[in-house]
Amino acid sequence: QVQLVESGGGLVQAGGSLRLSCAASGRTFSSYGMGWFRQAPGKEREFVASISRGGGSTWYVDSVKGRFTISRDNAKNTVYLQMNSLKPEDTAVYYCNAAHNTIPDSRAAGDYWGQGTQVTVSS
């Protein structure tokens, strides 16, 4: 299994940037497709972005395309989410997700979750 710990959340003004990190423990990090999901109060958890095991392919929900970039460094067992041009509607708790031998998407998350990190975007 893998344990995930997110960091990098905080308060930022609209139009600003933030970088989230997800540090993973486990011997087989490169066997996991990784993703980011988010959940705002009163809303269902939403798929945001994912990346293939080797980092060669990425996917994004339409609302963040062109603004967010997911990346990974397998040597550091870490996945990142660079968020630019932030909007108030991006405010949510962001969760890191790991899917063994598959890729998280809008219909199927992996079995492993981090505790989440709060992102608040003010207008």
C-alpha atoms as a PDB file:
ATOM      1  CA  GLN A   1       0.000   0.000   0.000  1.00  0.00           C
ATOM      2  CA  VAL A   2       0.933   3.664  -0.118  1.00  0.00           C
ATOM      3  CA  GLN A   3       0.455   6.516   2.352  1.00  0.00           C
ATOM      4  CA  LEU A   4      -0.140  10.026   1.034  1.00  0.00           C
ATOM      5  CA  VAL A   5       0.387  13.410   2.698  1.00  0.00           C
ATOM      6  CA  GLU A   6      -0.629  16.669   0.993  1.00  0.00           C
ATOM      7  CA  SER A   7       0.863  20.086   1.646  1.00  0.00           C
ATOM      8  CA  GLY A   8       0.987  23.541   0.097  1.00  0.00           C
ATOM      9  CA  GLY A   9      -2.573  24.724   0.586  1.00  0.00           C
ATOM     10  CA  GLY A  10      -3.412  28.146   1.898  1.00  0.00           C
ATOM     11  CA  LEU A  11      -5.098  31.466   1.231  1.00  0.00           C
ATOM     12  CA  VAL A  12      -4.430  33.252  -2.046  1.00  0.00           C
ATOM     13  CA  GLN A  13      -6.014  36.148  -3.926  1.00  0.00           C
ATOM     14  CA  ALA A  14      -7.865  35.589  -7.183  1.00  0.00           C
ATOM     15  CA  GLY A  15      -5.404  35.459 -10.062  1.00  0.00           C
ATOM     16  CA  GLY A  16      -2.644  34.142  -7.852  1.00  0.00           C
ATOM     17  CA  SER A  17      -0.797  30.840  -7.857  1.00  0.00           C
ATOM     18  CA  LEU A  18      -0.257  27.958  -5.493  1.00  0.00           C
ATOM     19  CA  ARG A  19       1.618  24.663  -5.728  1.00  0.00           C
ATOM     20  CA  LEU A  20       0.351  21.582  -3.934  1.00  0.00           C
ATOM     21  CA  SER A  21       2.590  18.632  -3.121  1.00  0.00           C
ATOM     22  CA  CYS A  22       1.699  15.044  -2.297  1.00  0.00           C
ATOM     23  CA  ALA A  23       4.424  12.980  -0.660  1.00  0.00           C
ATOM     24  CA  ALA A  24       4.004   9.216  -0.869  1.00  0.00           C
ATOM     25  CA  SER A  25       5.515   6.476   1.231  1.00  0.00           C
ATOM     26  CA  GLY A  26       5.860   3.032  -0.266  1.00  0.00           C
ATOM     27  CA  ARG A  27       8.232   0.972  -2.337  1.00  0.00           C
ATOM     28  CA  THR A  28       6.225   0.981  -5.569  1.00  0.00           C
ATOM     29  CA  PHE A  29       5.251   4.611  -6.177  1.00  0.00           C
ATOM     30  CA  SER A  30       5.949   4.249  -9.890  1.00  0.00           C
ATOM     31  CA  SER A  31       3.276   1.525 -10.083  1.00  0.00           C
ATOM     32  CA  TYR A  32       0.529   4.041  -9.251  1.00  0.00           C
ATOM     33  CA  GLY A  33      -1.308   6.425 -11.444  1.00  0.00           C
ATOM     34  CA  MET A  34      -1.814   9.575  -9.398  1.00  0.00           C
ATOM     35  CA  GLY A  35      -4.569  12.129  -9.259  1.00  0.00           C
ATOM     36  CA  TRP A  36      -5.970  15.159  -7.534  1.00  0.00           C
ATOM     37  CA  PHE A  37      -9.588  15.551  -6.466  1.00  0.00           C
ATOM     38  CA  ARG A  38     -11.282  18.406  -4.652  1.00  0.00           C
ATOM     39  CA  GLN A  39     -14.363  18.890  -2.528  1.00  0.00           C
ATOM     40  CA  ALA A  40     -16.115  22.143  -1.680  1.00  0.00           C
ATOM     41  CA  PRO A  41     -18.596  22.386   1.229  1.00  0.00           C
ATOM     42  CA  GLY A  42     -21.893  20.751   0.326  1.00  0.00           C
ATOM     43  CA  LYS A  43     -20.520  19.381  -2.941  1.00  0.00           C
ATOM     44  CA  GLU A  44     -19.468  15.943  -4.137  1.00  0.00           C
ATOM     45  CA  ARG A  45     -15.802  15.183  -4.523  1.00  0.00           C
ATOM     46  CA  GLU A  46     -14.692  16.232  -8.015  1.00  0.00           C
ATOM     47  CA  PHE A  47     -11.914  14.909 -10.238  1.00  0.00           C
ATOM     48  CA  VAL A  48      -9.348  17.601 -11.042  1.00  0.00           C
ATOM     49  CA  ALA A  49      -6.293  16.049 -12.699  1.00  0.00           C
ATOM     50  CA  SER A  50      -4.362  12.808 -13.097  1.00  0.00           C
ATOM     51  CA  ILE A  51      -1.024  11.591 -14.395  1.00  0.00           C
ATOM     52  CA  SER A  52       0.170   8.243 -15.695  1.00  0.00           C
ATOM     53  CA  ARG A  53       2.714   6.099 -13.889  1.00  0.00           C
ATOM     54  CA  GLY A  54       5.675   7.350 -15.872  1.00  0.00           C
ATOM     55  CA  GLY A  55       4.385  10.912 -16.112  1.00  0.00           C
ATOM     56  CA  GLY A  56       3.983  10.838 -19.881  1.00  0.00           C
ATOM     57  CA  SER A  57       0.235  11.466 -19.997  1.00  0.00           C
ATOM     58  CA  THR A  58      -2.002  13.874 -18.099  1.00  0.00           C
ATOM     59  CA  TRP A  59      -5.727  14.556 -17.893  1.00  0.00           C
ATOM     60  CA  TYR A  60      -7.704  17.518 -16.533  1.00  0.00           C
ATOM     61  CA  VAL A  61     -11.246  18.486 -15.827  1.00  0.00           C
ATOM     62  CA  ASP A  62     -12.338  21.145 -18.329  1.00  0.00           C
ATOM     63  CA  SER A  63     -12.640  23.895 -15.733  1.00  0.00           C
ATOM     64  CA  VAL A  64      -8.902  23.834 -14.918  1.00  0.00           C
ATOM     65  CA  LYS A  65      -7.387  23.203 -18.359  1.00  0.00           C
ATOM     66  CA  GLY A  66      -4.768  25.801 -19.182  1.00  0.00           C
ATOM     67  CA  ARG A  67      -4.501  26.883 -15.548  1.00  0.00           C
ATOM     68  CA  PHE A  68      -3.419  23.780 -13.601  1.00  0.00           C
ATOM     69  CA  THR A  69      -0.503  21.444 -14.291  1.00  0.00           C
ATOM     70  CA  ILE A  70       0.007  18.039 -12.693  1.00  0.00           C
ATOM     71  CA  SER A  71       3.491  16.528 -12.574  1.00  0.00           C
ATOM     72  CA  ARG A  72       5.393  13.849 -10.706  1.00  0.00           C
ATOM     73  CA  ASP A  73       8.918  13.053  -9.616  1.00  0.00           C
ATOM     74  CA  ASN A  74       9.172   9.316  -9.078  1.00  0.00           C
ATOM     75  CA  ALA A  75      12.668   9.624  -7.610  1.00  0.00           C
ATOM     76  CA  LYS A  76      11.155  11.752  -4.831  1.00  0.00           C
ATOM     77  CA  ASN A  77       7.883   9.806  -4.523  1.00  0.00           C
ATOM     78  CA  THR A  78       6.027  13.075  -5.010  1.00  0.00           C
ATOM     79  CA  VAL A  79       3.224  14.394  -7.207  1.00  0.00           C
ATOM     80  CA  TYR A  80       2.520  18.108  -7.665  1.00  0.00           C
ATOM     81  CA  LEU A  81      -0.340  20.317  -8.724  1.00  0.00           C
ATOM     82  CA  GLN A  82       0.684  23.757  -9.950  1.00  0.00           C
ATOM     83  CA  MET A  83      -2.350  26.043  -9.863  1.00  0.00           C
ATOM     84  CA  ASN A  84      -2.229  29.366 -11.712  1.00  0.00           C
ATOM     85  CA  SER A  85      -4.852  32.040 -12.368  1.00  0.00           C
ATOM     86  CA  LEU A  86      -6.823  30.849  -9.370  1.00  0.00           C
ATOM     87  CA  LYS A  87     -10.504  31.690  -9.093  1.00  0.00           C
ATOM     88  CA  PRO A  88     -12.800  31.796  -6.049  1.00  0.00           C
ATOM     89  CA  GLU A  89     -14.601  28.733  -7.418  1.00  0.00           C
ATOM     90  CA  ASP A  90     -11.359  26.771  -6.990  1.00  0.00           C
ATOM     91  CA  THR A  91     -11.837  27.013  -3.219  1.00  0.00           C
ATOM     92  CA  ALA A  92     -11.999  23.475  -1.831  1.00  0.00           C
ATOM     93  CA  VAL A  93     -10.152  20.808   0.070  1.00  0.00           C
ATOM     94  CA  TYR A  94      -7.761  19.133  -2.360  1.00  0.00           C
ATOM     95  CA  TYR A  95      -7.016  15.422  -2.017  1.00  0.00           C
ATOM     96  CA  CYS A  96      -4.230  13.345  -3.483  1.00  0.00           C
ATOM     97  CA  ASN A  97      -5.196   9.909  -4.802  1.00  0.00           C
ATOM     98  CA  ALA A  98      -3.235   6.820  -5.863  1.00  0.00           C
ATOM     99  CA  ALA A  99      -4.528   4.049  -8.140  1.00  0.00           C
ATOM    100  CA  HIS A 100      -2.500   0.856  -8.357  1.00  0.00           C
ATOM    101  CA  ASN A 101      -1.682   0.023 -11.974  1.00  0.00           C
ATOM    102  CA  THR A 102      -4.455   2.327 -13.235  1.00  0.00           C
ATOM    103  CA  ILE A 103      -5.148   6.039 -13.679  1.00  0.00           C
ATOM    104  CA  PRO A 104      -7.687   7.957 -11.593  1.00  0.00           C
ATOM    105  CA  ASP A 105     -10.428   9.679 -13.551  1.00  0.00           C
ATOM    106  CA  SER A 106     -13.835  11.261 -13.074  1.00  0.00           C
ATOM    107  CA  ARG A 107     -15.506   7.859 -12.692  1.00  0.00           C
ATOM    108  CA  ALA A 108     -12.994   5.769 -10.751  1.00  0.00           C
ATOM    109  CA  ALA A 109     -10.637   6.892  -8.018  1.00  0.00           C
ATOM    110  CA  GLY A 110      -7.844   4.775  -6.624  1.00  0.00           C
ATOM    111  CA  ASP A 111      -7.975   3.137  -3.221  1.00  0.00           C
ATOM    112  CA  TYR A 112      -5.558   5.444  -1.429  1.00  0.00           C
ATOM    113  CA  TRP A 113      -6.245   9.000  -0.253  1.00  0.00           C
ATOM    114  CA  GLY A 114      -4.391  11.715   1.565  1.00  0.00           C
ATOM    115  CA  GLN A 115      -5.955  13.759   4.359  1.00  0.00           C
ATOM    116  CA  GLY A 116      -6.463  16.810   2.169  1.00  0.00           C
ATOM    117  CA  THR A 117      -5.194  20.377   2.125  1.00  0.00           C
ATOM    118  CA  GLN A 118      -7.372  23.490   2.152  1.00  0.00           C
ATOM    119  CA  VAL A 119      -7.168  25.953  -0.731  1.00  0.00           C
ATOM    120  CA  THR A 120      -9.028  29.237  -0.309  1.00  0.00           C
ATOM    121  CA  VAL A 121      -9.150  31.829  -3.098  1.00  0.00           C
ATOM    122  CA  SER A 122     -10.401  35.287  -2.161  1.00  0.00           C
ATOM    123  CA  SER A 123     -11.848  37.859  -4.548  1.00  0.00           C
END
